[in-house]
Every structure is written in C-alpha cells, then in structure tokens.
Amino acid sequence: MEMNIRRLVLDVDKAIARPPIPDLAKAINAVPGVEALNIVVTEIDIQTVGMEITIQGEMLNYDAIVQAIEDAGAVSHSIDEIATGKYLIESVTRKR
C-alpha cells in the first residue's frame, strides 16, 4: 500500500549563482502530483542560499522530488515536515 504524501517541507541549499530559484521551482513543479509549492529563502552566506520548500499535492513522490532538486543543481538536507493521509491537518499551537 502506497502512502499518500500530501505535504512536504524540505530544507534545501543551493549555490549563490545557480540554479536560479525560478528554475528550481519549475523543476519541482514538473514532478507528477505537485499541485503547489513555496520557496522561502531562510539564509544567505557567501557561497550558498538556504531555503525552506513547501510542496503540496496528491501522492507526492519524495524520491522524484529530491531527484528533481538534485538535477536542478540544489541539495535537499532534510524533511522538516511531512503530512499524509486523506486530508491535511493544519498545525495547532499548543498552549502551555
């Protein structure tokens, strides 16, 4: 039984010069099942740009997404969030 991944939040780095962020978005968007994505720059240093990439869709293929990121010239470091199942559960802030 395949898992229905609906949302992935990935920590991704790329070199300052390449790939351009729109090219990276285009590569990810071409993966079957991807319906929407956001790329937020979280850190910039002399050589790299750190990004948080949020991807939503139906039956997202994690391996194909990582391959598209790598083929575009960037590197996925970690999964920071994964949402699976019949519907999305939005985060609820815990009160302490």
C-alpha atoms as a PDB file:
ATOM      1  CA  MET A   1       0.000   0.000   0.000  1.00  0.00           C
ATOM      2  CA  GLU A   2       1.389   3.345  -1.041  1.00  0.00           C
ATOM      3  CA  MET A   3       1.375   6.303   1.341  1.00  0.00           C
ATOM      4  CA  ASN A   4      -0.488   9.425   0.169  1.00  0.00           C
ATOM      5  CA  ILE A   5       2.016  12.203   0.878  1.00  0.00           C
ATOM      6  CA  ARG A   6       0.118  15.500   0.706  1.00  0.00           C
ATOM      7  CA  ARG A   7       2.700  17.974   2.034  1.00  0.00           C
ATOM      8  CA  LEU A   8       6.475  18.038   2.294  1.00  0.00           C
ATOM      9  CA  VAL A   9       8.589  20.766   3.842  1.00  0.00           C
ATOM     10  CA  LEU A  10      12.218  20.369   2.830  1.00  0.00           C
ATOM     11  CA  ASP A  11      15.429  22.106   3.920  1.00  0.00           C
ATOM     12  CA  VAL A  12      17.284  22.773   0.662  1.00  0.00           C
ATOM     13  CA  ASP A  13      20.560  24.543  -0.180  1.00  0.00           C
ATOM     14  CA  LYS A  14      21.818  25.834  -3.497  1.00  0.00           C
ATOM     15  CA  ALA A  15      24.876  27.736  -4.670  1.00  0.00           C
ATOM     16  CA  ILE A  16      24.504  31.528  -4.870  1.00  0.00           C
ATOM     17  CA  ALA A  17      24.929  31.518  -8.663  1.00  0.00           C
ATOM     18  CA  ARG A  18      22.844  28.547  -9.668  1.00  0.00           C
ATOM     19  CA  PRO A  19      20.270  27.313 -10.100  1.00  0.00           C
ATOM     20  CA  PRO A  20      18.090  30.409 -10.211  1.00  0.00           C
ATOM     21  CA  ILE A  21      15.153  29.970  -7.819  1.00  0.00           C
ATOM     22  CA  PRO A  22      12.543  30.103 -10.637  1.00  0.00           C
ATOM     23  CA  ASP A  23      14.365  27.244 -12.400  1.00  0.00           C
ATOM     24  CA  LEU A  24      14.345  25.194  -9.193  1.00  0.00           C
ATOM     25  CA  ALA A  25      10.603  25.856  -8.766  1.00  0.00           C
ATOM     26  CA  LYS A  26       9.983  24.823 -12.395  1.00  0.00           C
ATOM     27  CA  ALA A  27      11.864  21.545 -11.887  1.00  0.00           C
ATOM     28  CA  ILE A  28       9.903  20.654  -8.734  1.00  0.00           C
ATOM     29  CA  ASN A  29       6.590  21.729 -10.263  1.00  0.00           C
ATOM     30  CA  ALA A  30       7.160  19.293 -13.153  1.00  0.00           C
ATOM     31  CA  VAL A  31       7.079  16.272 -10.798  1.00  0.00           C
ATOM     32  CA  PRO A  32       3.740  14.413 -11.098  1.00  0.00           C
ATOM     33  CA  GLY A  33       1.398  15.087  -8.173  1.00  0.00           C
ATOM     34  CA  VAL A  34       2.820  18.512  -7.282  1.00  0.00           C
ATOM     35  CA  GLU A  35      -0.068  20.991  -7.150  1.00  0.00           C
ATOM     36  CA  ALA A  36       1.553  23.922  -5.330  1.00  0.00           C
ATOM     37  CA  LEU A  37       4.893  24.951  -3.857  1.00  0.00           C
ATOM     38  CA  ASN A  38       6.500  27.797  -1.953  1.00  0.00           C
ATOM     39  CA  ILE A  39      10.199  28.554  -1.762  1.00  0.00           C
ATOM     40  CA  VAL A  40      11.305  30.788   1.112  1.00  0.00           C
ATOM     41  CA  VAL A  41      14.930  31.904   1.401  1.00  0.00           C
ATOM     42  CA  THR A  42      15.916  31.350   5.026  1.00  0.00           C
ATOM     43  CA  GLU A  43      19.646  32.055   4.940  1.00  0.00           C
ATOM     44  CA  ILE A  44      22.251  33.528   2.612  1.00  0.00           C
ATOM     45  CA  ASP A  45      26.002  33.318   3.081  1.00  0.00           C
ATOM     46  CA  ILE A  46      28.972  33.862   0.796  1.00  0.00           C
ATOM     47  CA  GLN A  47      28.531  30.639  -1.186  1.00  0.00           C
ATOM     48  CA  THR A  48      25.051  29.232  -0.511  1.00  0.00           C
ATOM     49  CA  VAL A  49      21.377  30.059  -0.228  1.00  0.00           C
ATOM     50  CA  GLY A  50      19.347  28.093   2.331  1.00  0.00           C
ATOM     51  CA  MET A  51      15.674  27.591   1.538  1.00  0.00           C
ATOM     52  CA  GLU A  52      12.552  26.078   3.018  1.00  0.00           C
ATOM     53  CA  ILE A  53      10.499  24.479   0.257  1.00  0.00           C
ATOM     54  CA  THR A  54       6.868  23.569   0.957  1.00  0.00           C
ATOM     55  CA  ILE A  55       5.237  21.269  -1.578  1.00  0.00           C
ATOM     56  CA  GLN A  56       1.580  20.223  -1.604  1.00  0.00           C
ATOM     57  CA  GLY A  57      -0.296  17.795  -3.804  1.00  0.00           C
ATOM     58  CA  GLU A  58      -1.629  14.260  -4.030  1.00  0.00           C
ATOM     59  CA  MET A  59       0.505  11.142  -3.871  1.00  0.00           C
ATOM     60  CA  LEU A  60       3.740  13.158  -3.827  1.00  0.00           C
ATOM     61  CA  ASN A  61       6.747  11.054  -4.738  1.00  0.00           C
ATOM     62  CA  TYR A  62       9.516  12.063  -2.319  1.00  0.00           C
ATOM     63  CA  ASP A  63      12.274  10.343  -4.311  1.00  0.00           C
ATOM     64  CA  ALA A  64      11.200  12.021  -7.580  1.00  0.00           C
ATOM     65  CA  ILE A  65      11.079  15.425  -5.867  1.00  0.00           C
ATOM     66  CA  VAL A  66      14.575  15.014  -4.401  1.00  0.00           C
ATOM     67  CA  GLN A  67      15.833  13.837  -7.807  1.00  0.00           C
ATOM     68  CA  ALA A  68      14.326  16.956  -9.465  1.00  0.00           C
ATOM     69  CA  ILE A  69      16.008  19.170  -6.843  1.00  0.00           C
ATOM     70  CA  GLU A  70      19.372  17.477  -7.399  1.00  0.00           C
ATOM     71  CA  ASP A  71      19.026  17.525 -11.194  1.00  0.00           C
ATOM     72  CA  ALA A  72      18.407  21.287 -10.975  1.00  0.00           C
ATOM     73  CA  GLY A  73      21.668  21.699  -9.036  1.00  0.00           C
ATOM     74  CA  ALA A  74      20.486  22.025  -5.425  1.00  0.00           C
ATOM     75  CA  VAL A  75      20.667  19.675  -2.410  1.00  0.00           C
ATOM     76  CA  SER A  76      17.898  18.518  -0.061  1.00  0.00           C
ATOM     77  CA  HIS A  77      19.209  18.213   3.518  1.00  0.00           C
ATOM     78  CA  SER A  78      16.175  17.059   5.449  1.00  0.00           C
ATOM     79  CA  ILE A  79      12.436  16.589   5.660  1.00  0.00           C
ATOM     80  CA  ASP A  80      11.229  19.215   8.152  1.00  0.00           C
ATOM     81  CA  GLU A  81       7.549  18.256   7.843  1.00  0.00           C
ATOM     82  CA  ILE A  82       5.533  15.505   6.166  1.00  0.00           C
ATOM     83  CA  ALA A  83       1.735  15.259   6.018  1.00  0.00           C
ATOM     84  CA  THR A  84      -0.008  12.116   4.817  1.00  0.00           C
ATOM     85  CA  GLY A  85      -3.474  10.643   4.744  1.00  0.00           C
ATOM     86  CA  LYS A  86      -6.936  11.516   3.462  1.00  0.00           C
ATOM     87  CA  TYR A  87      -6.698  15.213   4.342  1.00  0.00           C
ATOM     88  CA  LEU A  88      -4.285  17.803   5.709  1.00  0.00           C
ATOM     89  CA  ILE A  89      -4.155  18.629   9.410  1.00  0.00           C
ATOM     90  CA  GLU A  90      -3.087  22.211   9.938  1.00  0.00           C
ATOM     91  CA  SER A  91      -0.727  22.858  12.834  1.00  0.00           C
ATOM     92  CA  VAL A  92      -2.366  23.733  16.106  1.00  0.00           C
ATOM     93  CA  THR A  93      -0.383  25.862  18.543  1.00  0.00           C
ATOM     94  CA  ARG A  94      -0.140  24.216  21.925  1.00  0.00           C
ATOM     95  CA  LYS A  95      -0.908  26.381  24.926  1.00  0.00           C
ATOM     96  CA  ARG A  96       1.361  25.862  27.898  1.00  0.00           C
END
